PDB file of N, CA and C in Angstrom:
ATOM      1  N   UNK A   1     -54.175  27.078 -69.817  1.00  0.00           N
ATOM      2  CA  UNK A   1     -53.958  26.018 -68.846  1.00  0.00           C
ATOM      3  C   UNK A   1     -52.712  26.470 -68.039  1.00  0.00           C
ATOM      4  N   UNK A   2     -53.319  25.827 -66.584  1.00  0.00           N
ATOM      5  CA  UNK A   2     -52.228  26.453 -66.114  1.00  0.00           C
ATOM      6  C   UNK A   2     -50.825  25.576 -66.402  1.00  0.00           C
ATOM      7  N   UNK A   3     -49.624  25.674 -66.081  1.00  0.00           N
ATOM      8  CA  UNK A   3     -48.982  25.278 -66.538  1.00  0.00           C
ATOM      9  C   UNK A   3     -48.541  24.103 -65.439  1.00  0.00           C
ATOM     10  N   UNK A   4     -48.168  24.766 -63.973  1.00  0.00           N
ATOM     11  CA  UNK A   4     -48.214  24.215 -63.126  1.00  0.00           C
ATOM     12  C   UNK A   4     -48.997  23.075 -62.588  1.00  0.00           C
ATOM     13  N   UNK A   5     -50.045  23.301 -62.784  1.00  0.00           N
ATOM     14  CA  UNK A   5     -50.675  22.053 -62.495  1.00  0.00           C
ATOM     15  C   UNK A   5     -50.814  20.811 -63.752  1.00  0.00           C
ATOM     16  N   UNK A   6     -50.974  21.313 -64.876  1.00  0.00           N
ATOM     17  CA  UNK A   6     -50.536  20.027 -65.693  1.00  0.00           C
ATOM     18  C   UNK A   6     -49.312  19.172 -65.218  1.00  0.00           C
ATOM     19  N   UNK A   7     -48.194  19.899 -64.777  1.00  0.00           N
ATOM     20  CA  UNK A   7     -46.864  19.400 -64.738  1.00  0.00           C
ATOM     21  C   UNK A   7     -46.885  18.422 -62.932  1.00  0.00           C
ATOM     22  N   UNK A   8     -47.634  19.410 -62.380  1.00  0.00           N
ATOM     23  CA  UNK A   8     -47.554  18.215 -61.029  1.00  0.00           C
ATOM     24  C   UNK A   8     -48.620  17.257 -61.072  1.00  0.00           C
ATOM     25  N   UNK A   9     -49.842  17.581 -62.270  1.00  0.00           N
ATOM     26  CA  UNK A   9     -50.485  16.132 -62.350  1.00  0.00           C
ATOM     27  C   UNK A   9     -50.024  15.262 -62.890  1.00  0.00           C
ATOM     28  N   UNK A  10     -49.211  15.517 -63.919  1.00  0.00           N
ATOM     29  CA  UNK A  10     -48.288  14.229 -64.800  1.00  0.00           C
ATOM     30  C   UNK A  10     -47.396  13.777 -64.030  1.00  0.00           C
ATOM     31  N   UNK A  11     -46.744  14.410 -62.902  1.00  0.00           N
ATOM     32  CA  UNK A  11     -45.646  13.711 -62.131  1.00  0.00           C
ATOM     33  C   UNK A  11     -46.705  12.835 -60.900  1.00  0.00           C
ATOM     34  N   UNK A  12     -48.015  13.507 -60.512  1.00  0.00           N
ATOM     35  CA  UNK A  12     -49.025  12.609 -59.489  1.00  0.00           C
ATOM     36  C   UNK A  12     -49.174  11.216 -60.453  1.00  0.00           C
ATOM     37  N   UNK A  13     -49.451  11.605 -61.736  1.00  0.00           N
ATOM     38  CA  UNK A  13     -49.653  10.195 -62.580  1.00  0.00           C
ATOM     39  C   UNK A  13     -48.636   9.267 -62.654  1.00  0.00           C
ATOM     40  N   UNK A  14     -47.755   9.734 -62.843  1.00  0.00           N
ATOM     41  CA  UNK A  14     -46.597   8.805 -62.902  1.00  0.00           C
ATOM     42  C   UNK A  14     -46.443   7.885 -61.760  1.00  0.00           C
ATOM     43  N   UNK A  15     -46.256   8.667 -60.172  1.00  0.00           N
ATOM     44  CA  UNK A  15     -45.985   7.820 -59.575  1.00  0.00           C
ATOM     45  C   UNK A  15     -47.251   7.320 -58.894  1.00  0.00           C
ATOM     46  N   UNK A  16     -48.667   7.698 -59.557  1.00  0.00           N
ATOM     47  CA  UNK A  16     -49.400   6.331 -58.917  1.00  0.00           C
ATOM     48  C   UNK A  16     -49.399   5.513 -59.875  1.00  0.00           C
ATOM     49  N   UNK A  17     -49.007   5.719 -61.411  1.00  0.00           N
ATOM     50  CA  UNK A  17     -49.247   4.755 -61.784  1.00  0.00           C
ATOM     51  C   UNK A  17     -48.161   3.204 -61.341  1.00  0.00           C
ATOM     52  N   UNK A  18     -46.883   4.296 -61.003  1.00  0.00           N
ATOM     53  CA  UNK A  18     -45.845   2.966 -60.547  1.00  0.00           C
ATOM     54  C   UNK A  18     -46.299   2.712 -59.254  1.00  0.00           C
ATOM     55  N   UNK A  19     -47.201   3.239 -58.021  1.00  0.00           N
ATOM     56  CA  UNK A  19     -47.455   2.584 -57.429  1.00  0.00           C
ATOM     57  C   UNK A  19     -48.137   1.400 -57.087  1.00  0.00           C
ATOM     58  N   UNK A  20     -49.225   1.786 -58.360  1.00  0.00           N
ATOM     59  CA  UNK A  20     -50.394   0.938 -58.537  1.00  0.00           C
ATOM     60  C   UNK A  20     -49.759  -0.338 -59.183  1.00  0.00           C
ATOM     61  N   UNK A  21     -49.025  -0.849 -60.072  1.00  0.00           N
ATOM     62  CA  UNK A  21     -48.589  -1.497 -60.157  1.00  0.00           C
ATOM     63  C   UNK A  21     -47.405  -2.416 -59.473  1.00  0.00           C
ATOM     64  N   UNK A  22     -46.695  -1.859 -58.739  1.00  0.00           N
ATOM     65  CA  UNK A  22     -46.440  -2.555 -57.678  1.00  0.00           C
ATOM     66  C   UNK A  22     -46.897  -2.906 -56.408  1.00  0.00           C
ATOM     67  N   UNK A  23     -48.139  -2.219 -56.165  1.00  0.00           N
ATOM     68  CA  UNK A  23     -49.148  -2.443 -55.157  1.00  0.00           C
ATOM     69  C   UNK A  23     -49.543  -3.878 -55.638  1.00  0.00           C
ATOM     70  N   UNK A  24     -49.609  -4.240 -57.029  1.00  0.00           N
ATOM     71  CA  UNK A  24     -50.516  -5.019 -57.349  1.00  0.00           C
ATOM     72  C   UNK A  24     -49.674  -6.464 -57.411  1.00  0.00           C
ATOM     73  N   UNK A  25     -48.542  -6.313 -57.702  1.00  0.00           N
ATOM     74  CA  UNK A  25     -47.837  -7.518 -57.461  1.00  0.00           C
ATOM     75  C   UNK A  25     -47.647  -7.587 -55.524  1.00  0.00           C
ATOM     76  N   UNK A  26     -47.513  -6.875 -54.934  1.00  0.00           N
ATOM     77  CA  UNK A  26     -47.122  -7.160 -53.838  1.00  0.00           C
ATOM     78  C   UNK A  26     -48.139  -7.896 -53.023  1.00  0.00           C
ATOM     79  N   UNK A  27     -49.501  -7.308 -53.193  1.00  0.00           N
ATOM     80  CA  UNK A  27     -50.567  -8.005 -52.878  1.00  0.00           C
ATOM     81  C   UNK A  27     -50.918  -8.892 -52.830  1.00  0.00           C
ATOM     82  N   UNK A  28     -50.420  -9.660 -53.843  1.00  0.00           N
ATOM     83  CA  UNK A  28     -50.820 -10.907 -55.001  1.00  0.00           C
ATOM     84  C   UNK A  28     -49.638 -12.082 -54.564  1.00  0.00           C
ATOM     85  N   UNK A  29     -49.033 -11.303 -54.256  1.00  0.00           N
ATOM     86  CA  UNK A  29     -47.697 -12.145 -53.545  1.00  0.00           C
ATOM     87  C   UNK A  29     -47.438 -12.068 -52.206  1.00  0.00           C
ATOM     88  N   UNK A  30     -47.898 -11.193 -51.529  1.00  0.00           N
ATOM     89  CA  UNK A  30     -47.852 -11.217 -49.872  1.00  0.00           C
ATOM     90  C   UNK A  30     -49.509 -11.259 -49.414  1.00  0.00           C
ATOM     91  N   UNK A  31     -50.020 -12.302 -48.805  1.00  0.00           N
ATOM     92  CA  UNK A  31     -50.994 -12.194 -48.192  1.00  0.00           C
ATOM     93  C   UNK A  31     -51.498 -11.308 -47.028  1.00  0.00           C
ATOM     94  N   UNK A  32     -50.708 -11.176 -46.318  1.00  0.00           N
ATOM     95  CA  UNK A  32     -51.120 -10.026 -45.158  1.00  0.00           C
ATOM     96  C   UNK A  32     -51.442  -8.961 -45.713  1.00  0.00           C
ATOM     97  N   UNK A  33     -50.578  -8.489 -46.954  1.00  0.00           N
ATOM     98  CA  UNK A  33     -51.010  -7.442 -47.455  1.00  0.00           C
ATOM     99  C   UNK A  33     -52.283  -7.218 -48.108  1.00  0.00           C
ATOM    100  N   UNK A  34     -52.586  -8.241 -48.907  1.00  0.00           N
ATOM    101  CA  UNK A  34     -54.034  -8.672 -49.099  1.00  0.00           C
ATOM    102  C   UNK A  34     -54.818  -8.842 -48.429  1.00  0.00           C
ATOM    103  N   UNK A  35     -54.769  -9.252 -47.310  1.00  0.00           N
ATOM    104  CA  UNK A  35     -55.551  -9.317 -45.955  1.00  0.00           C
ATOM    105  C   UNK A  35     -55.745  -7.999 -45.390  1.00  0.00           C
ATOM    106  N   UNK A  36     -54.496  -7.495 -44.855  1.00  0.00           N
ATOM    107  CA  UNK A  36     -54.775  -5.891 -44.604  1.00  0.00           C
ATOM    108  C   UNK A  36     -55.599  -5.365 -45.535  1.00  0.00           C
ATOM    109  N   UNK A  37     -55.383  -4.983 -46.721  1.00  0.00           N
ATOM    110  CA  UNK A  37     -56.516  -4.470 -47.334  1.00  0.00           C
ATOM    111  C   UNK A  37     -57.620  -4.812 -47.277  1.00  0.00           C
ATOM    112  N   UNK A  38     -58.395  -6.426 -47.863  1.00  0.00           N
ATOM    113  CA  UNK A  38     -59.435  -6.363 -47.571  1.00  0.00           C
ATOM    114  C   UNK A  38     -60.021  -5.915 -46.409  1.00  0.00           C
ATOM    115  N   UNK A  39     -59.369  -6.309 -44.825  1.00  0.00           N
ATOM    116  CA  UNK A  39     -59.770  -6.006 -43.554  1.00  0.00           C
ATOM    117  C   UNK A  39     -60.293  -4.751 -43.194  1.00  0.00           C
ATOM    118  N   UNK A  40     -59.025  -3.801 -43.931  1.00  0.00           N
ATOM    119  CA  UNK A  40     -59.331  -2.257 -43.494  1.00  0.00           C
ATOM    120  C   UNK A  40     -59.988  -1.579 -44.864  1.00  0.00           C
ATOM    121  N   UNK A  41     -60.472  -2.252 -45.943  1.00  0.00           N
ATOM    122  CA  UNK A  41     -61.127  -1.323 -46.616  1.00  0.00           C
ATOM    123  C   UNK A  41     -62.620  -2.354 -47.196  1.00  0.00           C
ATOM    124  N   UNK A  42     -62.218  -3.454 -46.802  1.00  0.00           N
ATOM    125  CA  UNK A  42     -63.966  -4.140 -47.049  1.00  0.00           C
ATOM    126  C   UNK A  42     -63.769  -5.084 -48.304  1.00  0.00           C
ATOM    127  N   UNK A  43     -62.631  -4.712 -48.987  1.00  0.00           N
ATOM    128  CA  UNK A  43     -62.215  -5.449 -50.499  1.00  0.00           C
ATOM    129  C   UNK A  43     -60.872  -5.174 -50.853  1.00  0.00           C
ATOM    130  N   UNK A  44     -60.210  -5.947 -50.877  1.00  0.00           N
ATOM    131  CA  UNK A  44     -58.881  -5.472 -51.513  1.00  0.00           C
ATOM    132  C   UNK A  44     -58.987  -4.438 -52.733  1.00  0.00           C
ATOM    133  N   UNK A  45     -59.554  -4.888 -53.684  1.00  0.00           N
ATOM    134  CA  UNK A  45     -59.342  -3.435 -54.959  1.00  0.00           C
ATOM    135  C   UNK A  45     -60.130  -1.969 -54.311  1.00  0.00           C
ATOM    136  N   UNK A  46     -60.522  -2.045 -53.325  1.00  0.00           N
ATOM    137  CA  UNK A  46     -61.127  -0.643 -53.228  1.00  0.00           C
ATOM    138  C   UNK A  46     -60.229  -0.401 -52.160  1.00  0.00           C
ATOM    139  N   UNK A  47     -59.266  -0.673 -51.444  1.00  0.00           N
ATOM    140  CA  UNK A  47     -58.276  -0.203 -50.945  1.00  0.00           C
ATOM    141  C   UNK A  47     -56.999  -0.115 -51.795  1.00  0.00           C
ATOM    142  N   UNK A  48     -57.148  -0.952 -52.504  1.00  0.00           N
ATOM    143  CA  UNK A  48     -56.001  -0.751 -53.597  1.00  0.00           C
ATOM    144  C   UNK A  48     -56.458   0.793 -54.483  1.00  0.00           C
ATOM    145  N   UNK A  49     -57.547   0.850 -54.833  1.00  0.00           N
ATOM    146  CA  UNK A  49     -58.214   2.306 -55.685  1.00  0.00           C
ATOM    147  C   UNK A  49     -57.632   3.409 -54.412  1.00  0.00           C
ATOM    148  N   UNK A  50     -58.248   3.473 -53.501  1.00  0.00           N
ATOM    149  CA  UNK A  50     -58.308   4.550 -52.439  1.00  0.00           C
ATOM    150  C   UNK A  50     -56.709   4.500 -52.442  1.00  0.00           C
ATOM    151  N   UNK A  51     -56.205   3.735 -51.917  1.00  0.00           N
ATOM    152  CA  UNK A  51     -54.484   4.327 -51.996  1.00  0.00           C
ATOM    153  C   UNK A  51     -53.417   4.901 -53.317  1.00  0.00           C
ATOM    154  N   UNK A  52     -54.308   4.163 -54.251  1.00  0.00           N
ATOM    155  CA  UNK A  52     -53.768   5.054 -55.391  1.00  0.00           C
ATOM    156  C   UNK A  52     -54.003   6.165 -55.450  1.00  0.00           C
ATOM    157  N   UNK A  53     -55.167   6.419 -55.353  1.00  0.00           N
ATOM    158  CA  UNK A  53     -55.805   8.010 -55.595  1.00  0.00           C
ATOM    159  C   UNK A  53     -55.381   8.601 -54.205  1.00  0.00           C
ATOM    160  N   UNK A  54     -54.938   8.191 -53.095  1.00  0.00           N
ATOM    161  CA  UNK A  54     -54.224   8.670 -52.029  1.00  0.00           C
ATOM    162  C   UNK A  54     -52.417   9.435 -52.832  1.00  0.00           C
ATOM    163  N   UNK A  55     -52.312   8.132 -53.372  1.00  0.00           N
ATOM    164  CA  UNK A  55     -50.610   8.627 -53.766  1.00  0.00           C
ATOM    165  C   UNK A  55     -50.538   9.763 -54.997  1.00  0.00           C
ATOM    166  N   UNK A  56     -51.575   9.369 -55.597  1.00  0.00           N
ATOM    167  CA  UNK A  56     -52.012  10.683 -56.812  1.00  0.00           C
ATOM    168  C   UNK A  56     -52.387  11.957 -56.313  1.00  0.00           C
ATOM    169  N   UNK A  57     -53.069  11.942 -55.253  1.00  0.00           N
ATOM    170  CA  UNK A  57     -53.254  13.423 -54.804  1.00  0.00           C
ATOM    171  C   UNK A  57     -52.356  13.890 -53.921  1.00  0.00           C
ATOM    172  N   UNK A  58     -51.577  13.322 -53.086  1.00  0.00           N
ATOM    173  CA  UNK A  58     -50.254  13.410 -52.035  1.00  0.00           C
ATOM    174  C   UNK A  58     -49.096  14.041 -52.946  1.00  0.00           C
ATOM    175  N   UNK A  59     -48.717  13.349 -54.297  1.00  0.00           N
ATOM    176  CA  UNK A  59     -47.523  13.187 -55.003  1.00  0.00           C
ATOM    177  C   UNK A  59     -47.752  14.668 -55.762  1.00  0.00           C
ATOM    178  N   UNK A  60     -49.404  14.702 -56.433  1.00  0.00           N
ATOM    179  CA  UNK A  60     -49.827  15.829 -56.986  1.00  0.00           C
ATOM    180  C   UNK A  60     -49.509  17.905 -56.378  1.00  0.00           C
ATOM    181  N   UNK A  61     -49.735  17.047 -55.093  1.00  0.00           N
ATOM    182  CA  UNK A  61     -49.555  18.130 -54.046  1.00  0.00           C
ATOM    183  C   UNK A  61     -48.190  19.069 -53.745  1.00  0.00           C
ATOM    184  N   UNK A  62     -47.646  17.364 -53.642  1.00  0.00           N
ATOM    185  CA  UNK A  62     -46.058  17.789 -53.212  1.00  0.00           C
ATOM    186  C   UNK A  62     -45.445  18.264 -54.293  1.00  0.00           C
ATOM    187  N   UNK A  63     -45.792  17.994 -55.398  1.00  0.00           N
ATOM    188  CA  UNK A  63     -44.906  18.457 -56.996  1.00  0.00           C
ATOM    189  C   UNK A  63     -45.296  19.952 -57.230  1.00  0.00           C
ATOM    190  N   UNK A  64     -46.805  20.181 -56.849  1.00  0.00           N
ATOM    191  CA  UNK A  64     -47.282  21.754 -57.170  1.00  0.00           C
ATOM    192  C   UNK A  64     -46.448  22.885 -56.128  1.00  0.00           C
ATOM    193  N   UNK A  65     -46.521  22.230 -54.986  1.00  0.00           N
ATOM    194  CA  UNK A  65     -45.341  22.503 -54.032  1.00  0.00           C
ATOM    195  C   UNK A  65     -43.978  23.306 -54.277  1.00  0.00           C
ATOM    196  N   UNK A  66     -43.171  22.005 -54.687  1.00  0.00           N
ATOM    197  CA  UNK A  66     -41.998  22.264 -55.105  1.00  0.00           C
ATOM    198  C   UNK A  66     -41.740  23.123 -56.276  1.00  0.00           C
ATOM    199  N   UNK A  67     -42.871  23.185 -57.344  1.00  0.00           N
ATOM    200  CA  UNK A  67     -42.651  23.964 -58.242  1.00  0.00           C
ATOM    201  C   UNK A  67     -43.079  25.197 -58.055  1.00  0.00           C
ATOM    202  N   UNK A  68     -43.821  25.655 -56.933  1.00  0.00           N
ATOM    203  CA  UNK A  68     -44.346  26.983 -56.924  1.00  0.00           C
ATOM    204  C   UNK A  68     -43.567  28.181 -57.619  1.00  0.00           C
ATOM    205  N   UNK A  69     -42.390  28.292 -57.714  1.00  0.00           N
ATOM    206  CA  UNK A  69     -41.771  29.371 -57.896  1.00  0.00           C
ATOM    207  C   UNK A  69     -40.995  29.422 -59.498  1.00  0.00           C
ATOM    208  N   UNK A  70     -41.372  28.101 -60.256  1.00  0.00           N
ATOM    209  CA  UNK A  70     -40.861  27.785 -61.271  1.00  0.00           C
ATOM    210  C   UNK A  70     -41.919  27.727 -62.293  1.00  0.00           C
ATOM    211  N   UNK A  71     -41.812  28.275 -63.557  1.00  0.00           N
ATOM    212  CA  UNK A  71     -42.907  28.473 -64.732  1.00  0.00           C
ATOM    213  C   UNK A  71     -42.348  27.512 -65.574  1.00  0.00           C
ATOM    214  N   UNK A  72     -43.371  26.516 -65.561  1.00  0.00           N
ATOM    215  CA  UNK A  72     -42.890  25.182 -66.302  1.00  0.00           C
ATOM    216  C   UNK A  72     -43.105  25.907 -67.975  1.00  0.00           C
ATOM    217  N   UNK A  73     -41.913  25.252 -69.167  1.00  0.00           N
ATOM    218  CA  UNK A  73     -42.493  25.281 -70.314  1.00  0.00           C
ATOM    219  C   UNK A  73     -43.080  24.803 -71.137  1.00  0.00           C
ATOM    220  N   UNK A  74     -43.696  24.761 -72.257  1.00  0.00           N
ATOM    221  CA  UNK A  74     -44.103  23.814 -73.109  1.00  0.00           C
ATOM    222  C   UNK A  74     -43.116  22.762 -73.469  1.00  0.00           C
ATOM    223  N   UNK A  75     -41.679  22.908 -73.463  1.00  0.00           N
ATOM    224  CA  UNK A  75     -40.818  21.928 -73.856  1.00  0.00           C
ATOM    225  C   UNK A  75     -40.665  20.889 -72.235  1.00  0.00           C
ATOM    226  N   UNK A  76     -41.182  21.440 -71.314  1.00  0.00           N
ATOM    227  CA  UNK A  76     -41.459  20.870 -69.858  1.00  0.00           C
ATOM    228  C   UNK A  76     -42.362  19.810 -69.940  1.00  0.00           C
ATOM    229  N   UNK A  77     -43.399  20.083 -70.567  1.00  0.00           N
ATOM    230  CA  UNK A  77     -44.794  19.372 -70.628  1.00  0.00           C
ATOM    231  C   UNK A  77     -44.462  18.386 -71.795  1.00  0.00           C
ATOM    232  N   UNK A  78     -43.791  18.709 -72.835  1.00  0.00           N
ATOM    233  CA  UNK A  78     -43.508  18.102 -73.977  1.00  0.00           C
ATOM    234  C   UNK A  78     -42.528  16.311 -73.245  1.00  0.00           C
ATOM    235  N   UNK A  79     -41.564  17.197 -72.879  1.00  0.00           N
ATOM    236  CA  UNK A  79     -40.643  15.843 -71.760  1.00  0.00           C
ATOM    237  C   UNK A  79     -41.160  14.985 -71.085  1.00  0.00           C
ATOM    238  N   UNK A  80     -42.292  15.566 -70.097  1.00  0.00           N
ATOM    239  CA  UNK A  80     -43.121  14.661 -69.196  1.00  0.00           C
ATOM    240  C   UNK A  80     -44.214  14.175 -70.344  1.00  0.00           C
ATOM    241  N   UNK A  81     -44.481  14.481 -71.009  1.00  0.00           N
ATOM    242  CA  UNK A  81     -45.621  13.404 -71.747  1.00  0.00           C
ATOM    243  C   UNK A  81     -44.924  12.335 -72.423  1.00  0.00           C
ATOM    244  N   UNK A  82     -43.638  12.562 -72.829  1.00  0.00           N
ATOM    245  CA  UNK A  82     -42.404  11.187 -72.952  1.00  0.00           C
ATOM    246  C   UNK A  82     -42.528  10.447 -71.663  1.00  0.00           C
ATOM    247  N   UNK A  83     -42.082  10.935 -70.453  1.00  0.00           N
ATOM    248  CA  UNK A  83     -42.581  10.204 -69.251  1.00  0.00           C
ATOM    249  C   UNK A  83     -43.571   9.511 -69.207  1.00  0.00           C
ATOM    250  N   UNK A  84     -44.611  10.252 -69.157  1.00  0.00           N
ATOM    251  CA  UNK A  84     -45.933   9.590 -68.990  1.00  0.00           C
ATOM    252  C   UNK A  84     -46.242   8.019 -69.763  1.00  0.00           C
ATOM    253  N   UNK A  85     -45.890   8.265 -71.342  1.00  0.00           N
ATOM    254  CA  UNK A  85     -45.493   7.170 -72.126  1.00  0.00           C
ATOM    255  C   UNK A  85     -44.528   6.250 -71.445  1.00  0.00           C
ATOM    256  N   UNK A  86     -43.456   6.383 -70.737  1.00  0.00           N
ATOM    257  CA  UNK A  86     -42.619   5.481 -70.911  1.00  0.00           C
ATOM    258  C   UNK A  86     -43.094   4.945 -69.469  1.00  0.00           C
ATOM    259  N   UNK A  87     -43.398   5.409 -68.352  1.00  0.00           N
ATOM    260  CA  UNK A  87     -44.023   5.228 -67.229  1.00  0.00           C
ATOM    261  C   UNK A  87     -45.408   4.034 -67.407  1.00  0.00           C
ATOM    262  N   UNK A  88     -45.947   4.385 -68.231  1.00  0.00           N
ATOM    263  CA  UNK A  88     -47.305   3.689 -68.135  1.00  0.00           C
ATOM    264  C   UNK A  88     -46.856   2.081 -68.963  1.00  0.00           C
ATOM    265  N   UNK A  89     -45.840   2.498 -70.266  1.00  0.00           N
ATOM    266  CA  UNK A  89     -45.593   1.236 -70.781  1.00  0.00           C
ATOM    267  C   UNK A  89     -44.651   0.178 -69.694  1.00  0.00           C
ATOM    268  N   UNK A  90     -43.901   1.271 -68.353  1.00  0.00           N
ATOM    269  CA  UNK A  90     -43.588   0.192 -67.671  1.00  0.00           C
ATOM    270  C   UNK A  90     -44.267  -0.370 -66.768  1.00  0.00           C
ATOM    271  N   UNK A  91     -45.463   0.289 -66.495  1.00  0.00           N
ATOM    272  CA  UNK A  91     -46.406   0.172 -65.422  1.00  0.00           C
ATOM    273  C   UNK A  91     -47.187  -1.552 -66.045  1.00  0.00           C
ATOM    274  N   UNK A  92     -47.381  -1.038 -67.527  1.00  0.00           N
ATOM    275  CA  UNK A  92     -48.017  -2.482 -67.931  1.00  0.00           C
ATOM    276  C   UNK A  92     -47.149  -3.655 -67.899  1.00  0.00           C
ATOM    277  N   UNK A  93     -45.651  -3.366 -68.500  1.00  0.00           N
ATOM    278  CA  UNK A  93     -44.904  -4.242 -68.723  1.00  0.00           C
ATOM    279  C   UNK A  93     -44.793  -5.440 -66.773  1.00  0.00           C
ATOM    280  N   UNK A  94     -44.548  -4.479 -65.799  1.00  0.00           N
ATOM    281  CA  UNK A  94     -44.587  -4.826 -64.792  1.00  0.00           C
ATOM    282  C   UNK A  94     -45.768  -5.731 -64.374  1.00  0.00           C
ATOM    283  N   UNK A  95     -47.251  -5.477 -64.665  1.00  0.00           N
ATOM    284  CA  UNK A  95     -48.321  -6.109 -64.241  1.00  0.00           C
ATOM    285  C   UNK A  95     -48.223  -7.483 -65.117  1.00  0.00           C
ATOM    286  N   UNK A  96     -48.463  -7.423 -66.720  1.00  0.00           N
ATOM    287  CA  UNK A  96     -48.402  -8.314 -67.366  1.00  0.00           C
ATOM    288  C   UNK A  96     -47.359  -9.275 -67.329  1.00  0.00           C
ATOM    289  N   UNK A  97     -46.026  -8.754 -67.063  1.00  0.00           N
ATOM    290  CA  UNK A  97     -44.795  -9.691 -66.793  1.00  0.00           C
ATOM    291  C   UNK A  97     -45.167 -10.466 -65.560  1.00  0.00           C
ATOM    292  N   UNK A  98     -45.512 -10.039 -64.331  1.00  0.00           N
ATOM    293  CA  UNK A  98     -46.506 -10.579 -63.216  1.00  0.00           C
ATOM    294  C   UNK A  98     -47.323 -11.719 -63.567  1.00  0.00           C
ATOM    295  N   UNK A  99     -48.093 -11.076 -64.336  1.00  0.00           N
ATOM    296  CA  UNK A  99     -49.832 -12.569 -64.488  1.00  0.00           C
ATOM    297  C   UNK A  99     -48.808 -13.623 -65.457  1.00  0.00           C
ATOM    298  N   UNK A 100     -47.809 -12.982 -66.455  1.00  0.00           N
ATOM    299  CA  UNK A 100     -47.384 -14.062 -67.547  1.00  0.00           C
ATOM    300  C   UNK A 100     -46.526 -15.299 -66.522  1.00  0.00           C
ATOM    301  N   UNK A 101     -46.013 -14.697 -65.484  1.00  0.00           N
ATOM    302  CA  UNK A 101     -44.786 -15.641 -64.583  1.00  0.00           C
ATOM    303  C   UNK A 101     -46.073 -16.400 -64.272  1.00  0.00           C
ATOM    304  N   UNK A 102     -46.908 -15.681 -63.409  1.00  0.00           N
ATOM    305  CA  UNK A 102     -47.478 -16.497 -62.169  1.00  0.00           C
ATOM    306  C   UNK A 102     -48.522 -17.556 -63.338  1.00  0.00           C
ATOM    307  N   UNK A 103     -48.996 -17.411 -64.525  1.00  0.00           N
ATOM    308  CA  UNK A 103     -49.729 -18.507 -65.498  1.00  0.00           C
ATOM    309  C   UNK A 103     -48.514 -19.514 -65.692  1.00  0.00           C
ATOM    310  N   UNK A 104     -47.359 -19.123 -66.375  1.00  0.00           N
ATOM    311  CA  UNK A 104     -46.392 -20.106 -66.262  1.00  0.00           C
ATOM    312  C   UNK A 104     -46.110 -21.120 -65.032  1.00  0.00           C
ATOM    313  N   UNK A 105     -46.054 -20.431 -63.949  1.00  0.00           N
ATOM    314  CA  UNK A 105     -45.600 -21.052 -62.848  1.00  0.00           C
ATOM    315  C   UNK A 105     -46.733 -21.876 -62.436  1.00  0.00           C
ATOM    316  N   UNK A 106     -47.892 -21.898 -62.659  1.00  0.00           N
ATOM    317  CA  UNK A 106     -48.904 -22.653 -62.581  1.00  0.00           C
ATOM    318  C   UNK A 106     -49.237 -23.656 -63.347  1.00  0.00           C
TER     319      UNK A 106
END
């Protein structure tokens, strides 16, 4: 396995997961962002998906470039795996928390 590719992809995933949850809250609370996504991409969810994938690809490539002279270790991968769990949980908390507040508010 190419360790640089693994590390870069993990960093890209973390950025994309956070972007995804934050964009969801923004587009659900800001009609102009929602309308822009809809007008630009044909449907707000399509735009949301495309932008999230773009963040993943861009951050993965930037991370790949940033660590091009560094050889990650198994320990680095282990630490990043913990970060995947932490940031995935944070993303879930942001989304679930937002919708819980929305439901309680209506």
